[in-house]
Amino acid sequence: MDATSCERTCPDCGSPRQARIVYGLVEFTPGLEAQLEAGEIVLGGCRVTGEDPGWCCQDCRRRWGASPLSRQLVERASVTPPDPLWVRLCFWPVRILLFVPITIFWLSLLVTIWLICPSERRSLWPRRWKA
């Protein structure tokens, strides 16, 4: 039986009492609380895979059917796949060539400041090292 038909029944027990499963982080409002208490909806949790069931039997608690809402949530939250291995291997020299000059610049700047300001440098040495 199609999960979107008006005559939904549980595939296991045949009960017509069904609840739609809502996935994701939902805002808990008085309307949502009323729907939960009436048994119109069931919270499915925040871990959404895209192949989650869409309906829950209120008698035997079996879950079945495809949930278009979970599929939409997964499509919205999908991230771009990582770069292929060849891209990561080919561009590491470029990253090094960009990183090394920046590091050398900042280190030389710190050494220059340390050499120019001897009064601050003296306070960094412990007393036992002073002659």
N, C-alpha and C. Protein backbone atom coordinates (compact mmCIF):
# COMPACT_ATOMS: atom_id res chain seq x y z
N MET A 1 0.84 -1.18 0.00
CA MET A 1 0.00 0.00 0.00
C MET A 1 0.88 1.24 0.00
N ASP A 2 0.49 2.24 -0.72
CA ASP A 2 1.25 3.47 -0.84
C ASP A 2 1.15 4.27 0.46
N ALA A 3 2.30 4.83 0.89
CA ALA A 3 2.33 5.58 2.15
C ALA A 3 1.59 6.90 2.06
N THR A 4 1.28 7.36 0.85
CA THR A 4 0.57 8.64 0.71
C THR A 4 -0.92 8.46 0.50
N SER A 5 -1.42 7.24 0.48
CA SER A 5 -2.85 7.04 0.26
C SER A 5 -3.63 7.40 1.52
N CYS A 6 -4.91 7.64 1.35
CA CYS A 6 -5.75 8.03 2.48
C CYS A 6 -6.08 6.83 3.36
N GLU A 7 -5.96 5.61 2.85
CA GLU A 7 -6.31 4.41 3.60
C GLU A 7 -5.06 3.68 4.05
N ARG A 8 -4.18 4.39 4.77
CA ARG A 8 -2.95 3.76 5.26
C ARG A 8 -3.28 2.78 6.36
N THR A 9 -2.68 1.61 6.26
CA THR A 9 -2.77 0.63 7.34
C THR A 9 -1.38 0.07 7.57
N CYS A 10 -1.14 -0.39 8.78
CA CYS A 10 0.17 -0.94 9.14
C CYS A 10 0.40 -2.24 8.37
N PRO A 11 1.57 -2.43 7.79
CA PRO A 11 1.85 -3.68 7.08
C PRO A 11 1.92 -4.89 8.00
N ASP A 12 2.19 -4.69 9.30
CA ASP A 12 2.28 -5.82 10.23
C ASP A 12 0.94 -6.15 10.88
N CYS A 13 0.33 -5.18 11.56
CA CYS A 13 -0.87 -5.47 12.34
C CYS A 13 -2.16 -5.03 11.64
N GLY A 14 -2.07 -4.23 10.59
CA GLY A 14 -3.25 -3.79 9.85
C GLY A 14 -4.02 -2.66 10.51
N SER A 15 -3.43 -2.04 11.52
CA SER A 15 -4.11 -0.96 12.22
C SER A 15 -4.16 0.30 11.35
N PRO A 16 -5.30 1.01 11.36
CA PRO A 16 -5.38 2.26 10.59
C PRO A 16 -4.85 3.46 11.35
N ARG A 17 -4.44 3.29 12.61
CA ARG A 17 -3.95 4.41 13.42
C ARG A 17 -2.46 4.63 13.13
N GLN A 18 -2.18 5.64 12.31
CA GLN A 18 -0.81 5.92 11.88
C GLN A 18 -0.42 7.34 12.25
N ALA A 19 0.87 7.55 12.43
CA ALA A 19 1.40 8.88 12.73
C ALA A 19 2.54 9.17 11.76
N ARG A 20 2.58 10.41 11.29
CA ARG A 20 3.66 10.82 10.41
C ARG A 20 4.91 11.07 11.26
N ILE A 21 6.09 10.66 10.77
CA ILE A 21 7.34 10.83 11.50
C ILE A 21 8.01 12.13 11.03
N VAL A 22 8.36 12.98 12.00
CA VAL A 22 9.01 14.26 11.71
C VAL A 22 10.46 14.16 12.14
N TYR A 23 11.38 14.50 11.22
CA TYR A 23 12.82 14.40 11.48
C TYR A 23 13.44 15.77 11.62
N GLY A 24 14.60 15.79 12.24
CA GLY A 24 15.37 17.02 12.38
C GLY A 24 15.12 17.68 13.73
N LEU A 25 15.75 18.82 13.91
CA LEU A 25 15.58 19.58 15.14
C LEU A 25 14.35 20.47 14.98
N VAL A 26 13.28 20.10 15.66
CA VAL A 26 12.01 20.81 15.50
C VAL A 26 11.84 21.82 16.64
N GLU A 27 11.09 22.86 16.36
CA GLU A 27 10.77 23.86 17.37
C GLU A 27 9.57 23.35 18.17
N PHE A 28 9.74 23.22 19.47
CA PHE A 28 8.69 22.65 20.30
C PHE A 28 7.68 23.74 20.64
N THR A 29 6.60 23.77 19.90
CA THR A 29 5.54 24.78 20.08
C THR A 29 4.32 24.11 20.70
N PRO A 30 3.35 24.91 21.16
CA PRO A 30 2.10 24.31 21.67
C PRO A 30 1.37 23.50 20.60
N GLY A 31 1.43 23.94 19.34
CA GLY A 31 0.79 23.18 18.26
C GLY A 31 1.45 21.83 18.06
N LEU A 32 2.79 21.80 18.15
CA LEU A 32 3.51 20.52 18.02
C LEU A 32 3.19 19.61 19.19
N GLU A 33 3.11 20.20 20.38
CA GLU A 33 2.77 19.39 21.56
C GLU A 33 1.38 18.79 21.43
N ALA A 34 0.44 19.56 20.89
CA ALA A 34 -0.92 19.05 20.70
C ALA A 34 -0.93 17.92 19.67
N GLN A 35 -0.16 18.06 18.59
CA GLN A 35 -0.09 16.99 17.59
C GLN A 35 0.57 15.74 18.16
N LEU A 36 1.59 15.92 19.00
CA LEU A 36 2.23 14.76 19.63
C LEU A 36 1.27 14.03 20.56
N GLU A 37 0.53 14.78 21.37
CA GLU A 37 -0.42 14.15 22.30
C GLU A 37 -1.58 13.50 21.57
N ALA A 38 -1.98 14.07 20.42
CA ALA A 38 -3.09 13.49 19.64
C ALA A 38 -2.63 12.28 18.84
N GLY A 39 -1.32 12.09 18.73
CA GLY A 39 -0.81 10.95 17.98
C GLY A 39 -0.76 11.17 16.48
N GLU A 40 -0.81 12.43 16.04
CA GLU A 40 -0.75 12.71 14.61
C GLU A 40 0.68 12.63 14.08
N ILE A 41 1.65 12.97 14.93
CA ILE A 41 3.05 12.91 14.51
C ILE A 41 3.88 12.22 15.59
N VAL A 42 5.05 11.74 15.18
CA VAL A 42 6.03 11.12 16.07
C VAL A 42 7.37 11.75 15.72
N LEU A 43 8.18 12.06 16.74
CA LEU A 43 9.50 12.62 16.48
C LEU A 43 10.45 11.50 16.09
N GLY A 44 11.16 11.70 14.98
CA GLY A 44 12.05 10.68 14.46
C GLY A 44 13.50 10.85 14.86
N GLY A 45 13.86 12.00 15.42
CA GLY A 45 15.23 12.22 15.84
C GLY A 45 15.97 13.15 14.89
N CYS A 46 17.21 13.44 15.25
CA CYS A 46 18.01 14.38 14.48
C CYS A 46 18.96 13.70 13.50
N ARG A 47 19.16 12.41 13.63
CA ARG A 47 20.05 11.70 12.70
C ARG A 47 19.24 11.30 11.48
N VAL A 48 19.42 12.05 10.41
CA VAL A 48 18.64 11.85 9.20
C VAL A 48 19.55 11.27 8.13
N THR A 49 19.13 10.15 7.53
CA THR A 49 19.95 9.49 6.52
C THR A 49 19.43 9.68 5.11
N GLY A 50 18.18 10.05 4.95
CA GLY A 50 17.58 10.19 3.63
C GLY A 50 16.76 8.99 3.23
N GLU A 51 16.93 7.88 3.92
CA GLU A 51 16.16 6.66 3.66
C GLU A 51 15.34 6.29 4.88
N ASP A 52 14.92 7.28 5.62
CA ASP A 52 14.20 7.04 6.87
C ASP A 52 12.73 6.77 6.61
N PRO A 53 12.08 6.00 7.50
CA PRO A 53 10.66 5.73 7.32
C PRO A 53 9.82 6.98 7.56
N GLY A 54 8.66 7.02 6.92
CA GLY A 54 7.81 8.19 7.01
C GLY A 54 6.60 8.02 7.90
N TRP A 55 6.26 6.77 8.25
CA TRP A 55 5.05 6.53 9.04
C TRP A 55 5.35 5.59 10.19
N CYS A 56 4.59 5.74 11.28
CA CYS A 56 4.75 4.90 12.46
C CYS A 56 3.37 4.42 12.91
N CYS A 57 3.25 3.12 13.14
CA CYS A 57 2.00 2.56 13.64
C CYS A 57 1.89 2.87 15.13
N GLN A 58 0.73 3.35 15.56
CA GLN A 58 0.55 3.69 16.96
C GLN A 58 0.26 2.47 17.82
N ASP A 59 -0.08 1.35 17.20
CA ASP A 59 -0.37 0.15 17.98
C ASP A 59 0.88 -0.72 18.17
N CYS A 60 1.54 -1.08 17.06
CA CYS A 60 2.70 -1.98 17.18
C CYS A 60 4.03 -1.24 17.06
N ARG A 61 4.03 0.08 16.81
CA ARG A 61 5.20 0.95 16.72
C ARG A 61 6.13 0.62 15.56
N ARG A 62 5.62 -0.09 14.56
CA ARG A 62 6.44 -0.38 13.38
C ARG A 62 6.54 0.88 12.53
N ARG A 63 7.73 1.10 11.97
CA ARG A 63 7.96 2.25 11.11
C ARG A 63 8.19 1.77 9.69
N TRP A 64 7.57 2.43 8.72
CA TRP A 64 7.71 2.02 7.32
C TRP A 64 7.48 3.21 6.40
N GLY A 65 7.67 2.97 5.12
CA GLY A 65 7.42 4.00 4.10
C GLY A 65 8.60 4.95 3.96
N ALA A 66 8.72 5.56 2.83
CA ALA A 66 9.79 6.52 2.58
C ALA A 66 9.36 7.92 3.01
N SER A 67 10.23 8.62 3.70
CA SER A 67 9.92 9.96 4.16
C SER A 67 10.53 10.99 3.21
N PRO A 68 9.69 11.72 2.48
CA PRO A 68 10.24 12.76 1.60
C PRO A 68 10.89 13.89 2.39
N LEU A 69 10.44 14.12 3.63
CA LEU A 69 11.02 15.17 4.46
C LEU A 69 12.47 14.85 4.80
N SER A 70 12.77 13.60 5.16
CA SER A 70 14.15 13.26 5.50
C SER A 70 15.04 13.36 4.27
N ARG A 71 14.52 12.99 3.12
CA ARG A 71 15.32 13.11 1.89
C ARG A 71 15.63 14.57 1.58
N GLN A 72 14.65 15.47 1.80
CA GLN A 72 14.87 16.90 1.57
C GLN A 72 15.89 17.46 2.55
N LEU A 73 15.84 17.02 3.82
CA LEU A 73 16.81 17.49 4.80
C LEU A 73 18.23 17.07 4.43
N VAL A 74 18.39 15.84 3.95
CA VAL A 74 19.71 15.37 3.55
C VAL A 74 20.21 16.13 2.34
N GLU A 75 19.34 16.42 1.38
CA GLU A 75 19.76 17.17 0.20
C GLU A 75 20.17 18.59 0.56
N ARG A 76 19.49 19.21 1.50
CA ARG A 76 19.86 20.57 1.91
C ARG A 76 21.19 20.59 2.66
N ALA A 77 21.43 19.57 3.46
CA ALA A 77 22.62 19.55 4.29
C ALA A 77 23.81 18.88 3.62
N SER A 78 23.66 18.43 2.40
CA SER A 78 24.77 17.73 1.76
C SER A 78 25.92 18.70 1.52
N VAL A 79 27.09 18.20 1.75
CA VAL A 79 28.29 19.01 1.57
C VAL A 79 29.02 18.53 0.33
N THR A 80 29.91 19.36 -0.16
CA THR A 80 30.68 18.96 -1.33
C THR A 80 31.65 17.86 -0.95
N PRO A 81 31.88 16.91 -1.83
CA PRO A 81 32.80 15.83 -1.51
C PRO A 81 34.23 16.36 -1.44
N PRO A 82 35.11 15.65 -0.74
CA PRO A 82 36.49 16.11 -0.64
C PRO A 82 37.19 16.03 -1.99
N ASP A 83 38.27 16.77 -2.12
CA ASP A 83 39.03 16.76 -3.36
C ASP A 83 39.58 15.37 -3.63
N PRO A 84 39.70 14.99 -4.89
CA PRO A 84 40.29 13.69 -5.21
C PRO A 84 41.74 13.63 -4.74
N LEU A 85 42.25 12.42 -4.63
CA LEU A 85 43.60 12.22 -4.12
C LEU A 85 44.64 12.90 -5.00
N TRP A 86 44.46 12.86 -6.31
CA TRP A 86 45.46 13.46 -7.20
C TRP A 86 45.54 14.97 -7.00
N VAL A 87 44.42 15.61 -6.68
CA VAL A 87 44.44 17.05 -6.43
C VAL A 87 45.18 17.34 -5.14
N ARG A 88 44.91 16.55 -4.11
CA ARG A 88 45.59 16.76 -2.84
C ARG A 88 47.09 16.52 -2.96
N LEU A 89 47.49 15.52 -3.75
CA LEU A 89 48.92 15.24 -3.90
C LEU A 89 49.63 16.25 -4.79
N CYS A 90 48.96 16.75 -5.80
CA CYS A 90 49.60 17.69 -6.72
C CYS A 90 49.73 19.09 -6.15
N PHE A 91 48.85 19.48 -5.26
CA PHE A 91 48.87 20.85 -4.79
C PHE A 91 49.56 21.04 -3.45
N TRP A 92 50.10 19.98 -2.84
CA TRP A 92 50.80 20.20 -1.59
C TRP A 92 52.08 21.00 -1.78
N PRO A 93 52.84 20.89 -2.89
CA PRO A 93 54.00 21.80 -3.04
C PRO A 93 53.59 23.26 -3.12
N VAL A 94 52.44 23.53 -3.74
CA VAL A 94 51.97 24.92 -3.83
C VAL A 94 51.65 25.44 -2.43
N ARG A 95 51.03 24.62 -1.63
CA ARG A 95 50.71 25.04 -0.27
C ARG A 95 51.98 25.31 0.53
N ILE A 96 52.98 24.47 0.35
CA ILE A 96 54.24 24.67 1.06
C ILE A 96 54.90 25.96 0.59
N LEU A 97 54.91 26.18 -0.72
CA LEU A 97 55.53 27.39 -1.25
C LEU A 97 54.83 28.65 -0.77
N LEU A 98 53.55 28.56 -0.49
CA LEU A 98 52.84 29.71 0.06
C LEU A 98 53.04 29.85 1.56
N PHE A 99 53.15 28.73 2.25
CA PHE A 99 53.24 28.76 3.71
C PHE A 99 54.63 29.18 4.19
N VAL A 100 55.69 28.67 3.57
CA VAL A 100 57.05 28.91 4.04
C VAL A 100 57.42 30.40 4.01
N PRO A 101 57.18 31.13 2.91
CA PRO A 101 57.54 32.56 2.96
C PRO A 101 56.78 33.34 4.02
N ILE A 102 55.54 33.02 4.25
CA ILE A 102 54.77 33.72 5.28
C ILE A 102 55.35 33.43 6.65
N THR A 103 55.72 32.20 6.89
CA THR A 103 56.32 31.83 8.17
C THR A 103 57.66 32.52 8.36
N ILE A 104 58.49 32.55 7.33
CA ILE A 104 59.79 33.22 7.41
C ILE A 104 59.61 34.71 7.68
N PHE A 105 58.63 35.33 7.05
CA PHE A 105 58.37 36.74 7.28
C PHE A 105 58.03 37.01 8.74
N TRP A 106 57.11 36.25 9.31
CA TRP A 106 56.70 36.49 10.69
C TRP A 106 57.83 36.19 11.67
N LEU A 107 58.61 35.16 11.42
CA LEU A 107 59.74 34.87 12.30
C LEU A 107 60.79 35.97 12.24
N SER A 108 61.09 36.46 11.04
CA SER A 108 62.07 37.54 10.92
C SER A 108 61.55 38.82 11.58
N LEU A 109 60.26 39.06 11.49
CA LEU A 109 59.68 40.23 12.14
C LEU A 109 59.80 40.12 13.66
N LEU A 110 59.54 38.96 14.20
CA LEU A 110 59.66 38.76 15.64
C LEU A 110 61.10 38.90 16.11
N VAL A 111 62.06 38.35 15.36
CA VAL A 111 63.46 38.48 15.73
C VAL A 111 63.90 39.93 15.65
N THR A 112 63.46 40.65 14.64
CA THR A 112 63.81 42.07 14.51
C THR A 112 63.28 42.86 15.70
N ILE A 113 62.06 42.63 16.07
CA ILE A 113 61.49 43.33 17.22
C ILE A 113 62.26 42.98 18.48
N TRP A 114 62.65 41.73 18.61
CA TRP A 114 63.38 41.29 19.79
C TRP A 114 64.75 41.95 19.86
N LEU A 115 65.40 42.14 18.71
CA LEU A 115 66.71 42.78 18.69
C LEU A 115 66.62 44.29 18.88
N ILE A 116 65.56 44.93 18.40
CA ILE A 116 65.42 46.37 18.50
C ILE A 116 65.07 46.81 19.92
N CYS A 117 64.33 46.01 20.65
CA CYS A 117 63.84 46.39 21.98
C CYS A 117 64.61 45.64 23.06
N PRO A 118 65.82 46.09 23.44
CA PRO A 118 66.60 45.35 24.44
C PRO A 118 66.03 45.43 25.84
N SER A 119 65.29 46.51 26.16
CA SER A 119 64.75 46.63 27.52
C SER A 119 63.72 45.54 27.79
N GLU A 120 62.88 45.25 26.84
CA GLU A 120 61.91 44.18 27.01
C GLU A 120 62.58 42.81 27.00
N ARG A 121 63.67 42.70 26.23
CA ARG A 121 64.36 41.42 26.13
C ARG A 121 65.00 41.05 27.46
N ARG A 122 65.55 42.05 28.18
CA ARG A 122 66.22 41.76 29.44
C ARG A 122 65.25 41.18 30.47
N SER A 123 63.99 41.60 30.40
CA SER A 123 63.03 41.09 31.38
C SER A 123 62.64 39.64 31.10
N LEU A 124 62.96 39.15 29.90
CA LEU A 124 62.63 37.77 29.59
C LEU A 124 63.63 36.78 30.18
N TRP A 125 64.90 37.23 30.46
CA TRP A 125 65.92 36.33 30.98
C TRP A 125 65.76 36.15 32.48
N PRO A 126 65.90 34.95 32.98
CA PRO A 126 65.86 34.76 34.43
C PRO A 126 67.06 35.41 35.12
N ARG A 127 66.94 35.76 36.38
CA ARG A 127 68.00 36.45 37.10
C ARG A 127 69.26 35.59 37.25
N ARG A 128 69.11 34.30 37.36
CA ARG A 128 70.28 33.45 37.57
C ARG A 128 71.19 33.42 36.35
N TRP A 129 70.66 33.79 35.17
CA TRP A 129 71.46 33.78 33.95
C TRP A 129 72.25 35.08 33.80
N LYS A 130 71.88 36.12 34.55
CA LYS A 130 72.58 37.39 34.43
C LYS A 130 73.93 37.31 35.12
N ALA A 131 74.88 38.01 34.54
CA ALA A 131 76.24 37.97 35.09
C ALA A 131 76.38 38.90 36.28
